[in-house]
Amino acid sequence: MNDDGAQTQTKSPAGADSSRQDVPDEQKRNAVQYVRIFWLLAIATLLSSNLVLPWKLVPIALGTAAVVVGIIALVKAARAKMRPVLPVLISIGLVITFVTTLGMAAMAMLWDRTVTYESCMRSAITLNASESCQSEYLSFELP
C-alpha cells in the first residue's frame, strides 16, 4: 500500500506478459483459413502433377500459389500462437509443394523432350516398351 491507501501493482518486466496474452479469436480464425487454403492448393498440386503437357502448367500455377499462401499461413499461424505442431506441418507441406512445383517447372522447361517421352509412354503397351521409353528419354547423359 502507498500513502493514500491504494494498493500498487507490481508489473513484470516488458515481454514477460506479452507472450501469455490471449490472441484474438478472429486472428486465429484468419490463420486457420489460410492454412486450409494452403492445404487445398498443396493437395491439388500433388493430384494434378500427373497431367500431360500442356496441362502440366496447371500444377505449376497451383504450386506457386500454394507456396505463397503457405508462407502467409506460416506467418499468420506463428503470430496467432497456434499449437507448435501446426508450423511444423505447414513447413513440411511447403517443402513438398516447392519440390513438386520445381519438378513440374523443370519438365515444362524441357518441353520437347517431355512431349516425346509422354507420347512414347502413351504408345507403350508392354513393360519392355515402357522400360525402353524410360531408358531412352530419362537418361540424362551429357553429349
N, C-alpha and C. Protein backbone atom coordinates (compact mmCIF):
# COMPACT_ATOMS: atom_id res chain seq x y z
N MET A 1 0.85 -1.17 0.00
CA MET A 1 0.00 0.00 0.00
C MET A 1 0.88 1.22 0.00
N ASN A 2 0.41 2.26 -0.65
CA ASN A 2 1.15 3.52 -0.63
C ASN A 2 0.48 4.48 0.34
N ASP A 3 0.89 5.74 0.34
CA ASP A 3 0.43 6.72 1.32
C ASP A 3 -1.07 6.94 1.32
N ASP A 4 -1.70 6.93 0.14
CA ASP A 4 -3.12 7.26 0.07
C ASP A 4 -4.02 6.04 0.29
N GLY A 5 -3.47 4.91 0.64
CA GLY A 5 -4.28 3.74 0.95
C GLY A 5 -4.55 2.86 -0.25
N ALA A 6 -4.18 3.25 -1.46
CA ALA A 6 -4.40 2.44 -2.66
C ALA A 6 -3.27 1.43 -2.80
N GLN A 7 -3.63 0.28 -3.27
CA GLN A 7 -2.60 -0.73 -3.46
C GLN A 7 -1.90 -0.51 -4.80
N THR A 8 -0.62 -0.69 -4.80
CA THR A 8 0.14 -0.58 -6.05
C THR A 8 0.36 -1.97 -6.60
N GLN A 9 0.28 -2.06 -7.89
CA GLN A 9 0.50 -3.34 -8.54
C GLN A 9 1.91 -3.35 -9.09
N THR A 10 2.56 -4.44 -8.89
CA THR A 10 3.90 -4.56 -9.46
C THR A 10 3.76 -5.14 -10.86
N LYS A 11 4.46 -4.55 -11.76
CA LYS A 11 4.42 -5.00 -13.15
C LYS A 11 5.65 -5.83 -13.43
N SER A 12 5.44 -6.88 -14.18
CA SER A 12 6.57 -7.71 -14.56
C SER A 12 7.33 -7.02 -15.67
N PRO A 13 8.55 -7.44 -15.90
CA PRO A 13 9.34 -6.81 -16.97
C PRO A 13 8.63 -6.93 -18.32
N ALA A 14 8.93 -5.98 -19.19
CA ALA A 14 8.30 -5.97 -20.52
C ALA A 14 8.63 -7.25 -21.26
N GLY A 15 7.62 -7.81 -21.89
CA GLY A 15 7.81 -9.02 -22.68
C GLY A 15 7.43 -10.27 -21.92
N ALA A 16 7.46 -10.25 -20.59
CA ALA A 16 7.10 -11.45 -19.83
C ALA A 16 5.61 -11.74 -19.95
N ASP A 17 4.79 -10.71 -19.88
CA ASP A 17 3.34 -10.90 -20.00
C ASP A 17 2.90 -10.97 -21.45
N SER A 18 3.67 -10.38 -22.37
CA SER A 18 3.25 -10.31 -23.76
C SER A 18 3.16 -11.69 -24.40
N SER A 19 3.98 -12.64 -23.93
CA SER A 19 3.91 -13.98 -24.51
C SER A 19 2.70 -14.75 -24.00
N ARG A 20 2.13 -14.33 -22.91
CA ARG A 20 0.99 -15.02 -22.32
C ARG A 20 -0.35 -14.39 -22.70
N GLN A 21 -0.32 -13.25 -23.39
CA GLN A 21 -1.57 -12.60 -23.75
C GLN A 21 -2.34 -13.47 -24.72
N ASP A 22 -3.66 -13.41 -24.59
CA ASP A 22 -4.50 -14.18 -25.49
C ASP A 22 -4.56 -13.50 -26.85
N VAL A 23 -4.49 -14.32 -27.88
CA VAL A 23 -4.60 -13.84 -29.24
C VAL A 23 -6.09 -13.79 -29.59
N PRO A 24 -6.54 -12.73 -30.24
CA PRO A 24 -7.97 -12.64 -30.58
C PRO A 24 -8.41 -13.83 -31.44
N ASP A 25 -9.65 -14.25 -31.21
CA ASP A 25 -10.20 -15.38 -31.96
C ASP A 25 -10.23 -15.10 -33.45
N GLU A 26 -10.47 -13.86 -33.82
CA GLU A 26 -10.52 -13.51 -35.25
C GLU A 26 -9.18 -13.77 -35.92
N GLN A 27 -8.10 -13.46 -35.22
CA GLN A 27 -6.77 -13.69 -35.77
C GLN A 27 -6.50 -15.19 -35.93
N LYS A 28 -6.97 -15.99 -34.97
CA LYS A 28 -6.81 -17.44 -35.08
C LYS A 28 -7.63 -18.01 -36.23
N ARG A 29 -8.87 -17.51 -36.38
CA ARG A 29 -9.71 -17.98 -37.49
C ARG A 29 -9.10 -17.61 -38.83
N ASN A 30 -8.54 -16.42 -38.93
CA ASN A 30 -7.90 -15.98 -40.16
C ASN A 30 -6.71 -16.88 -40.49
N ALA A 31 -5.93 -17.23 -39.48
CA ALA A 31 -4.78 -18.12 -39.69
C ALA A 31 -5.25 -19.50 -40.15
N VAL A 32 -6.31 -20.01 -39.53
CA VAL A 32 -6.83 -21.33 -39.90
C VAL A 32 -7.36 -21.32 -41.33
N GLN A 33 -7.98 -20.23 -41.75
CA GLN A 33 -8.46 -20.14 -43.14
C GLN A 33 -7.30 -20.21 -44.12
N TYR A 34 -6.23 -19.50 -43.83
CA TYR A 34 -5.06 -19.55 -44.72
C TYR A 34 -4.44 -20.94 -44.74
N VAL A 35 -4.42 -21.61 -43.60
CA VAL A 35 -3.88 -22.96 -43.54
C VAL A 35 -4.74 -23.91 -44.38
N ARG A 36 -6.05 -23.77 -44.29
CA ARG A 36 -6.94 -24.62 -45.10
C ARG A 36 -6.75 -24.38 -46.59
N ILE A 37 -6.65 -23.12 -46.98
CA ILE A 37 -6.44 -22.79 -48.40
C ILE A 37 -5.10 -23.36 -48.87
N PHE A 38 -4.07 -23.23 -48.02
CA PHE A 38 -2.76 -23.78 -48.38
C PHE A 38 -2.84 -25.27 -48.63
N TRP A 39 -3.49 -26.02 -47.70
CA TRP A 39 -3.55 -27.46 -47.85
C TRP A 39 -4.37 -27.87 -49.06
N LEU A 40 -5.43 -27.13 -49.35
CA LEU A 40 -6.22 -27.43 -50.56
C LEU A 40 -5.38 -27.24 -51.82
N LEU A 41 -4.64 -26.13 -51.86
CA LEU A 41 -3.78 -25.88 -53.02
C LEU A 41 -2.65 -26.92 -53.12
N ALA A 42 -2.08 -27.30 -51.98
CA ALA A 42 -0.99 -28.29 -51.99
C ALA A 42 -1.50 -29.64 -52.48
N ILE A 43 -2.67 -30.06 -52.01
CA ILE A 43 -3.23 -31.34 -52.44
C ILE A 43 -3.60 -31.28 -53.92
N ALA A 44 -4.16 -30.16 -54.36
CA ALA A 44 -4.49 -30.01 -55.79
C ALA A 44 -3.22 -30.06 -56.64
N THR A 45 -2.13 -29.50 -56.15
CA THR A 45 -0.86 -29.56 -56.87
C THR A 45 -0.39 -31.00 -57.01
N LEU A 46 -0.43 -31.74 -55.92
CA LEU A 46 0.04 -33.13 -55.96
C LEU A 46 -0.85 -34.00 -56.83
N LEU A 47 -2.16 -33.78 -56.76
CA LEU A 47 -3.08 -34.60 -57.57
C LEU A 47 -2.97 -34.29 -59.05
N SER A 48 -2.67 -33.05 -59.40
CA SER A 48 -2.60 -32.68 -60.81
C SER A 48 -1.19 -32.83 -61.39
N SER A 49 -0.25 -33.32 -60.61
CA SER A 49 1.13 -33.40 -61.10
C SER A 49 1.33 -34.49 -62.15
N ASN A 50 0.37 -35.38 -62.31
CA ASN A 50 0.50 -36.43 -63.33
C ASN A 50 -0.11 -36.06 -64.67
N LEU A 51 -0.56 -34.84 -64.82
CA LEU A 51 -1.14 -34.42 -66.09
C LEU A 51 -0.06 -34.33 -67.15
N VAL A 52 -0.47 -34.45 -68.41
CA VAL A 52 0.48 -34.35 -69.51
C VAL A 52 0.51 -32.90 -70.01
N LEU A 53 1.57 -32.60 -70.77
CA LEU A 53 1.67 -31.26 -71.36
C LEU A 53 0.54 -31.05 -72.33
N PRO A 54 -0.01 -29.93 -72.44
CA PRO A 54 0.24 -28.63 -71.83
C PRO A 54 -0.43 -28.46 -70.47
N TRP A 55 -1.15 -29.49 -70.00
CA TRP A 55 -1.85 -29.39 -68.71
C TRP A 55 -0.88 -29.44 -67.54
N LYS A 56 0.37 -29.75 -67.79
CA LYS A 56 1.38 -29.78 -66.73
C LYS A 56 1.67 -28.37 -66.20
N LEU A 57 1.19 -27.35 -66.90
CA LEU A 57 1.34 -25.98 -66.42
C LEU A 57 0.38 -25.67 -65.28
N VAL A 58 -0.71 -26.42 -65.17
CA VAL A 58 -1.69 -26.21 -64.10
C VAL A 58 -1.06 -26.46 -62.73
N PRO A 59 -0.36 -27.59 -62.50
CA PRO A 59 0.25 -27.77 -61.17
C PRO A 59 1.34 -26.76 -60.87
N ILE A 60 1.97 -26.20 -61.90
CA ILE A 60 2.97 -25.16 -61.66
C ILE A 60 2.28 -23.93 -61.07
N ALA A 61 1.15 -23.54 -61.66
CA ALA A 61 0.41 -22.38 -61.13
C ALA A 61 -0.15 -22.67 -59.75
N LEU A 62 -0.72 -23.87 -59.57
CA LEU A 62 -1.25 -24.23 -58.26
C LEU A 62 -0.15 -24.30 -57.21
N GLY A 63 0.99 -24.85 -57.57
CA GLY A 63 2.11 -24.96 -56.64
C GLY A 63 2.68 -23.61 -56.25
N THR A 64 2.77 -22.71 -57.22
CA THR A 64 3.25 -21.36 -56.92
C THR A 64 2.30 -20.66 -55.96
N ALA A 65 1.00 -20.78 -56.23
CA ALA A 65 0.01 -20.19 -55.33
C ALA A 65 0.07 -20.84 -53.95
N ALA A 66 0.28 -22.15 -53.90
CA ALA A 66 0.35 -22.85 -52.62
C ALA A 66 1.56 -22.41 -51.81
N VAL A 67 2.69 -22.20 -52.47
CA VAL A 67 3.89 -21.75 -51.75
C VAL A 67 3.66 -20.35 -51.18
N VAL A 68 3.08 -19.46 -51.97
CA VAL A 68 2.82 -18.10 -51.48
C VAL A 68 1.83 -18.11 -50.31
N VAL A 69 0.72 -18.82 -50.48
CA VAL A 69 -0.29 -18.89 -49.42
C VAL A 69 0.28 -19.63 -48.21
N GLY A 70 1.12 -20.63 -48.43
CA GLY A 70 1.73 -21.36 -47.33
C GLY A 70 2.65 -20.50 -46.49
N ILE A 71 3.41 -19.64 -47.13
CA ILE A 71 4.28 -18.73 -46.37
C ILE A 71 3.43 -17.77 -45.55
N ILE A 72 2.37 -17.24 -46.15
CA ILE A 72 1.47 -16.36 -45.42
C ILE A 72 0.83 -17.11 -44.25
N ALA A 73 0.40 -18.35 -44.48
CA ALA A 73 -0.22 -19.16 -43.43
C ALA A 73 0.77 -19.44 -42.30
N LEU A 74 2.02 -19.69 -42.66
CA LEU A 74 3.04 -19.95 -41.65
C LEU A 74 3.25 -18.74 -40.75
N VAL A 75 3.32 -17.57 -41.36
CA VAL A 75 3.49 -16.33 -40.58
C VAL A 75 2.26 -16.08 -39.71
N LYS A 76 1.08 -16.24 -40.27
CA LYS A 76 -0.15 -16.00 -39.51
C LYS A 76 -0.30 -17.00 -38.37
N ALA A 77 0.06 -18.25 -38.60
CA ALA A 77 -0.02 -19.26 -37.53
C ALA A 77 0.96 -18.95 -36.41
N ALA A 78 2.14 -18.47 -36.77
CA ALA A 78 3.12 -18.12 -35.75
C ALA A 78 2.66 -16.90 -34.94
N ARG A 79 2.10 -15.91 -35.62
CA ARG A 79 1.62 -14.72 -34.92
C ARG A 79 0.40 -15.01 -34.05
N ALA A 80 -0.41 -15.97 -34.48
CA ALA A 80 -1.61 -16.32 -33.71
C ALA A 80 -1.28 -17.29 -32.58
N LYS A 81 -0.01 -17.66 -32.46
CA LYS A 81 0.45 -18.56 -31.40
C LYS A 81 -0.36 -19.85 -31.38
N MET A 82 -0.49 -20.44 -32.55
CA MET A 82 -1.19 -21.71 -32.67
C MET A 82 -0.32 -22.82 -32.06
N ARG A 83 -0.85 -24.02 -31.99
CA ARG A 83 -0.08 -25.14 -31.46
C ARG A 83 1.24 -25.28 -32.20
N PRO A 84 2.30 -25.66 -31.53
CA PRO A 84 3.63 -25.72 -32.17
C PRO A 84 3.71 -26.71 -33.33
N VAL A 85 2.83 -27.71 -33.35
CA VAL A 85 2.91 -28.70 -34.43
C VAL A 85 2.42 -28.12 -35.75
N LEU A 86 1.56 -27.12 -35.71
CA LEU A 86 1.00 -26.55 -36.95
C LEU A 86 2.07 -25.91 -37.83
N PRO A 87 2.94 -25.05 -37.30
CA PRO A 87 4.00 -24.50 -38.17
C PRO A 87 4.93 -25.58 -38.74
N VAL A 88 5.15 -26.64 -37.98
CA VAL A 88 6.00 -27.73 -38.47
C VAL A 88 5.32 -28.42 -39.65
N LEU A 89 4.02 -28.70 -39.52
CA LEU A 89 3.29 -29.35 -40.61
C LEU A 89 3.21 -28.45 -41.84
N ILE A 90 3.02 -27.16 -41.63
CA ILE A 90 2.99 -26.22 -42.76
C ILE A 90 4.35 -26.20 -43.45
N SER A 91 5.41 -26.21 -42.67
CA SER A 91 6.76 -26.19 -43.26
C SER A 91 7.03 -27.44 -44.09
N ILE A 92 6.61 -28.59 -43.58
CA ILE A 92 6.79 -29.84 -44.33
C ILE A 92 5.98 -29.79 -45.62
N GLY A 93 4.74 -29.30 -45.54
CA GLY A 93 3.92 -29.14 -46.74
C GLY A 93 4.53 -28.17 -47.73
N LEU A 94 5.12 -27.10 -47.23
CA LEU A 94 5.78 -26.13 -48.11
C LEU A 94 6.95 -26.77 -48.86
N VAL A 95 7.75 -27.56 -48.17
CA VAL A 95 8.89 -28.20 -48.82
C VAL A 95 8.41 -29.17 -49.91
N ILE A 96 7.41 -29.99 -49.58
CA ILE A 96 6.89 -30.95 -50.56
C ILE A 96 6.31 -30.23 -51.77
N THR A 97 5.54 -29.18 -51.52
CA THR A 97 4.92 -28.43 -52.61
C THR A 97 5.97 -27.73 -53.45
N PHE A 98 6.98 -27.17 -52.80
CA PHE A 98 8.04 -26.47 -53.54
C PHE A 98 8.81 -27.43 -54.43
N VAL A 99 9.16 -28.60 -53.91
CA VAL A 99 9.91 -29.58 -54.71
C VAL A 99 9.07 -30.07 -55.89
N THR A 100 7.78 -30.33 -55.65
CA THR A 100 6.90 -30.77 -56.72
C THR A 100 6.78 -29.69 -57.80
N THR A 101 6.61 -28.46 -57.38
CA THR A 101 6.49 -27.35 -58.34
C THR A 101 7.78 -27.18 -59.13
N LEU A 102 8.90 -27.33 -58.46
CA LEU A 102 10.19 -27.22 -59.14
C LEU A 102 10.35 -28.33 -60.18
N GLY A 103 9.92 -29.53 -59.85
CA GLY A 103 9.98 -30.64 -60.81
C GLY A 103 9.08 -30.40 -62.01
N MET A 104 7.89 -29.89 -61.78
CA MET A 104 6.97 -29.58 -62.89
C MET A 104 7.55 -28.47 -63.77
N ALA A 105 8.18 -27.49 -63.14
CA ALA A 105 8.79 -26.41 -63.91
C ALA A 105 9.95 -26.93 -64.76
N ALA A 106 10.71 -27.87 -64.22
CA ALA A 106 11.81 -28.46 -64.99
C ALA A 106 11.27 -29.23 -66.20
N MET A 107 10.16 -29.95 -66.00
CA MET A 107 9.56 -30.66 -67.13
C MET A 107 9.03 -29.70 -68.18
N ALA A 108 8.49 -28.58 -67.74
CA ALA A 108 7.99 -27.60 -68.70
C ALA A 108 9.15 -26.94 -69.45
N MET A 109 10.28 -26.77 -68.77
CA MET A 109 11.44 -26.17 -69.44
C MET A 109 12.01 -27.12 -70.50
N LEU A 110 11.88 -28.42 -70.27
CA LEU A 110 12.31 -29.42 -71.25
C LEU A 110 11.11 -29.90 -72.06
N TRP A 111 10.37 -28.96 -72.59
CA TRP A 111 9.07 -29.21 -73.23
C TRP A 111 9.16 -30.30 -74.30
N ASP A 112 10.07 -30.14 -75.26
CA ASP A 112 10.16 -31.09 -76.39
C ASP A 112 10.48 -32.51 -75.91
N ARG A 113 11.45 -32.61 -75.02
CA ARG A 113 11.84 -33.93 -74.52
C ARG A 113 10.69 -34.56 -73.71
N THR A 114 9.98 -33.75 -72.95
CA THR A 114 8.86 -34.26 -72.15
C THR A 114 7.72 -34.73 -73.05
N VAL A 115 7.45 -33.99 -74.12
CA VAL A 115 6.38 -34.38 -75.05
C VAL A 115 6.72 -35.71 -75.72
N THR A 116 7.96 -35.88 -76.17
CA THR A 116 8.32 -37.14 -76.82
C THR A 116 8.29 -38.31 -75.83
N TYR A 117 8.72 -38.06 -74.59
CA TYR A 117 8.66 -39.12 -73.57
C TYR A 117 7.21 -39.51 -73.28
N GLU A 118 6.34 -38.51 -73.14
CA GLU A 118 4.94 -38.80 -72.83
C GLU A 118 4.25 -39.53 -73.99
N SER A 119 4.57 -39.16 -75.23
CA SER A 119 3.97 -39.87 -76.37
C SER A 119 4.50 -41.29 -76.48
N CYS A 120 5.78 -41.49 -76.14
CA CYS A 120 6.35 -42.84 -76.14
C CYS A 120 5.67 -43.69 -75.06
N MET A 121 5.46 -43.13 -73.88
CA MET A 121 4.82 -43.87 -72.80
C MET A 121 3.34 -44.17 -73.10
N ARG A 122 2.69 -43.26 -73.83
CA ARG A 122 1.29 -43.50 -74.20
C ARG A 122 1.17 -44.66 -75.17
N SER A 123 2.15 -44.80 -76.05
CA SER A 123 2.08 -45.87 -77.05
C SER A 123 2.68 -47.18 -76.55
N ALA A 124 3.35 -47.15 -75.40
CA ALA A 124 3.95 -48.37 -74.85
C ALA A 124 2.87 -49.24 -74.23
N ILE A 125 2.79 -50.47 -74.73
CA ILE A 125 1.78 -51.39 -74.25
C ILE A 125 2.38 -52.38 -73.25
N THR A 126 3.59 -52.83 -73.51
CA THR A 126 4.21 -53.83 -72.65
C THR A 126 5.18 -53.18 -71.67
N LEU A 127 5.60 -53.96 -70.70
CA LEU A 127 6.58 -53.47 -69.74
C LEU A 127 7.92 -53.20 -70.41
N ASN A 128 8.30 -54.03 -71.38
CA ASN A 128 9.56 -53.81 -72.09
C ASN A 128 9.53 -52.50 -72.86
N ALA A 129 8.38 -52.18 -73.45
CA ALA A 129 8.28 -50.93 -74.20
C ALA A 129 8.35 -49.73 -73.27
N SER A 130 7.73 -49.81 -72.11
CA SER A 130 7.80 -48.67 -71.18
C SER A 130 9.19 -48.53 -70.58
N GLU A 131 9.87 -49.66 -70.33
CA GLU A 131 11.26 -49.60 -69.86
C GLU A 131 12.17 -49.01 -70.93
N SER A 132 11.87 -49.33 -72.19
CA SER A 132 12.64 -48.78 -73.30
C SER A 132 12.48 -47.26 -73.37
N CYS A 133 11.24 -46.80 -73.20
CA CYS A 133 10.98 -45.35 -73.19
C CYS A 133 11.73 -44.67 -72.05
N GLN A 134 11.68 -45.29 -70.88
CA GLN A 134 12.35 -44.69 -69.73
C GLN A 134 13.85 -44.65 -69.91
N SER A 135 14.43 -45.71 -70.43
CA SER A 135 15.89 -45.71 -70.62
C SER A 135 16.31 -44.75 -71.72
N GLU A 136 15.46 -44.58 -72.72
CA GLU A 136 15.82 -43.70 -73.84
C GLU A 136 15.66 -42.22 -73.48
N TYR A 137 14.56 -41.87 -72.80
CA TYR A 137 14.26 -40.45 -72.60
C TYR A 137 14.57 -39.93 -71.19
N LEU A 138 14.73 -40.82 -70.23
CA LEU A 138 15.00 -40.36 -68.88
C LEU A 138 16.47 -40.45 -68.50
N SER A 139 17.31 -40.87 -69.43
CA SER A 139 18.73 -40.89 -69.14
C SER A 139 19.29 -39.50 -69.47
N PHE A 140 19.86 -38.88 -68.47
CA PHE A 140 20.36 -37.52 -68.65
C PHE A 140 21.88 -37.56 -68.80
N GLU A 141 22.30 -38.13 -69.92
CA GLU A 141 23.73 -38.20 -70.20
C GLU A 141 24.14 -36.95 -70.94
N LEU A 142 25.33 -36.52 -70.62
CA LEU A 142 25.87 -35.34 -71.30
C LEU A 142 26.35 -35.74 -72.69
N PRO A 143 26.10 -34.91 -73.70
CA PRO A 143 26.52 -35.26 -75.06
C PRO A 143 28.02 -35.23 -75.23
